[in-house]
Amino acid sequence: MDRKLPWWQRLPLTVHLMMCTYCARFKRQLQIIRRASQTDAEGLENESTSVQMPDDVRRKIKKSLQDHLS
């Protein structure tokens, strides 16, 4: 999910996910969490809140999250 895998790693993973219902379910759950966190992060940028965070702190947090997700 975090990076594109070479075909020789992607093929056995794909086969495993077709057979293992637990891992397939876990993959779907991770996808839901990732979409929700991305949506929330985008919404927070456009939303004014009652608690204002200094811009430098906001930038550091945003960069840290982007680095972690890349």
C-alpha atoms as a PDB file:
ATOM      1  CA  MET A   1       0.000   0.000   0.000  1.00  0.00           C
ATOM      2  CA  ASP A   2       2.844   2.384   0.786  1.00  0.00           C
ATOM      3  CA  ARG A   3       4.809   1.669  -2.367  1.00  0.00           C
ATOM      4  CA  LYS A   4       4.569  -0.274  -5.608  1.00  0.00           C
ATOM      5  CA  LEU A   5       5.994  -3.764  -5.263  1.00  0.00           C
ATOM      6  CA  PRO A   6       7.950  -5.547  -7.975  1.00  0.00           C
ATOM      7  CA  TRP A   7       5.973  -8.286  -9.718  1.00  0.00           C
ATOM      8  CA  TRP A   8       7.833 -11.123  -7.972  1.00  0.00           C
ATOM      9  CA  GLN A   9       6.657  -9.768  -4.598  1.00  0.00           C
ATOM     10  CA  ARG A  10       3.221  -8.679  -5.766  1.00  0.00           C
ATOM     11  CA  LEU A  11       2.265 -12.052  -7.310  1.00  0.00           C
ATOM     12  CA  PRO A  12       2.522 -14.223  -4.152  1.00  0.00           C
ATOM     13  CA  LEU A  13       0.859 -11.475  -2.113  1.00  0.00           C
ATOM     14  CA  THR A  14      -2.043 -11.304  -4.564  1.00  0.00           C
ATOM     15  CA  VAL A  15      -2.463 -15.079  -4.490  1.00  0.00           C
ATOM     16  CA  HIS A  16      -2.341 -15.062  -0.689  1.00  0.00           C
ATOM     17  CA  LEU A  17      -4.969 -12.321  -0.488  1.00  0.00           C
ATOM     18  CA  MET A  18      -7.259 -14.342  -2.787  1.00  0.00           C
ATOM     19  CA  MET A  19      -7.057 -17.334  -0.428  1.00  0.00           C
ATOM     20  CA  CYS A  20      -6.783 -15.763   3.031  1.00  0.00           C
ATOM     21  CA  THR A  21     -10.005 -14.102   4.135  1.00  0.00           C
ATOM     22  CA  TYR A  22      -8.366 -12.693   7.267  1.00  0.00           C
ATOM     23  CA  CYS A  23      -5.638 -10.838   5.375  1.00  0.00           C
ATOM     24  CA  ALA A  24      -8.096  -9.692   2.700  1.00  0.00           C
ATOM     25  CA  ARG A  25     -10.322  -8.261   5.444  1.00  0.00           C
ATOM     26  CA  PHE A  26      -7.333  -6.601   7.098  1.00  0.00           C
ATOM     27  CA  LYS A  27      -6.335  -5.029   3.753  1.00  0.00           C
ATOM     28  CA  ARG A  28      -9.844  -3.598   3.330  1.00  0.00           C
ATOM     29  CA  GLN A  29      -9.758  -2.217   6.884  1.00  0.00           C
ATOM     30  CA  LEU A  30      -6.398  -0.536   6.222  1.00  0.00           C
ATOM     31  CA  GLN A  31      -7.750   1.014   3.032  1.00  0.00           C
ATOM     32  CA  ILE A  32     -10.730   2.432   4.935  1.00  0.00           C
ATOM     33  CA  ILE A  33      -8.472   3.853   7.655  1.00  0.00           C
ATOM     34  CA  ARG A  34      -6.122   5.406   5.086  1.00  0.00           C
ATOM     35  CA  ARG A  35      -8.998   7.065   3.200  1.00  0.00           C
ATOM     36  CA  ALA A  36     -10.539   8.357   6.421  1.00  0.00           C
ATOM     37  CA  SER A  37      -7.274   9.798   7.707  1.00  0.00           C
ATOM     38  CA  GLN A  38      -6.544  11.487   4.376  1.00  0.00           C
ATOM     39  CA  THR A  39     -10.039  12.963   4.267  1.00  0.00           C
ATOM     40  CA  ASP A  40      -9.734  14.226   7.848  1.00  0.00           C
ATOM     41  CA  ALA A  41      -6.320  15.760   7.190  1.00  0.00           C
ATOM     42  CA  GLU A  42      -7.634  17.595   4.119  1.00  0.00           C
ATOM     43  CA  GLY A  43     -10.709  18.776   6.018  1.00  0.00           C
ATOM     44  CA  LEU A  44      -8.620  20.137   8.873  1.00  0.00           C
ATOM     45  CA  GLU A  45      -6.627  22.326   6.493  1.00  0.00           C
ATOM     46  CA  ASN A  46      -9.812  24.047   5.324  1.00  0.00           C
ATOM     47  CA  GLU A  47     -11.553  24.238   8.681  1.00  0.00           C
ATOM     48  CA  SER A  48     -11.109  27.011  11.192  1.00  0.00           C
ATOM     49  CA  THR A  49     -10.948  25.666  14.717  1.00  0.00           C
ATOM     50  CA  SER A  50     -11.326  27.314  18.080  1.00  0.00           C
ATOM     51  CA  VAL A  51      -7.804  26.250  19.073  1.00  0.00           C
ATOM     52  CA  GLN A  52      -5.193  27.771  16.831  1.00  0.00           C
ATOM     53  CA  MET A  53      -1.905  25.976  16.383  1.00  0.00           C
ATOM     54  CA  PRO A  54       1.169  27.989  15.438  1.00  0.00           C
ATOM     55  CA  ASP A  55       1.915  27.716  11.715  1.00  0.00           C
ATOM     56  CA  ASP A  56       5.399  26.274  12.253  1.00  0.00           C
ATOM     57  CA  VAL A  57       4.015  23.465  14.433  1.00  0.00           C
ATOM     58  CA  ARG A  58       1.279  22.763  11.881  1.00  0.00           C
ATOM     59  CA  ARG A  59       3.889  22.535   9.088  1.00  0.00           C
ATOM     60  CA  LYS A  60       6.085  20.174  11.123  1.00  0.00           C
ATOM     61  CA  ILE A  61       3.172  17.857  11.869  1.00  0.00           C
ATOM     62  CA  LYS A  62       2.004  17.887   8.259  1.00  0.00           C
ATOM     63  CA  LYS A  63       5.523  17.140   6.982  1.00  0.00           C
ATOM     64  CA  SER A  64       5.956  14.337   9.502  1.00  0.00           C
ATOM     65  CA  LEU A  65       2.675  12.735   8.434  1.00  0.00           C
ATOM     66  CA  GLN A  66       3.541  13.058   4.752  1.00  0.00           C
ATOM     67  CA  ASP A  67       6.998  11.554   5.335  1.00  0.00           C
ATOM     68  CA  HIS A  68       5.463   8.698   7.287  1.00  0.00           C
ATOM     69  CA  LEU A  69       2.869   7.949   4.604  1.00  0.00           C
ATOM     70  CA  SER A  70       5.323   8.111   1.708  1.00  0.00           C
END
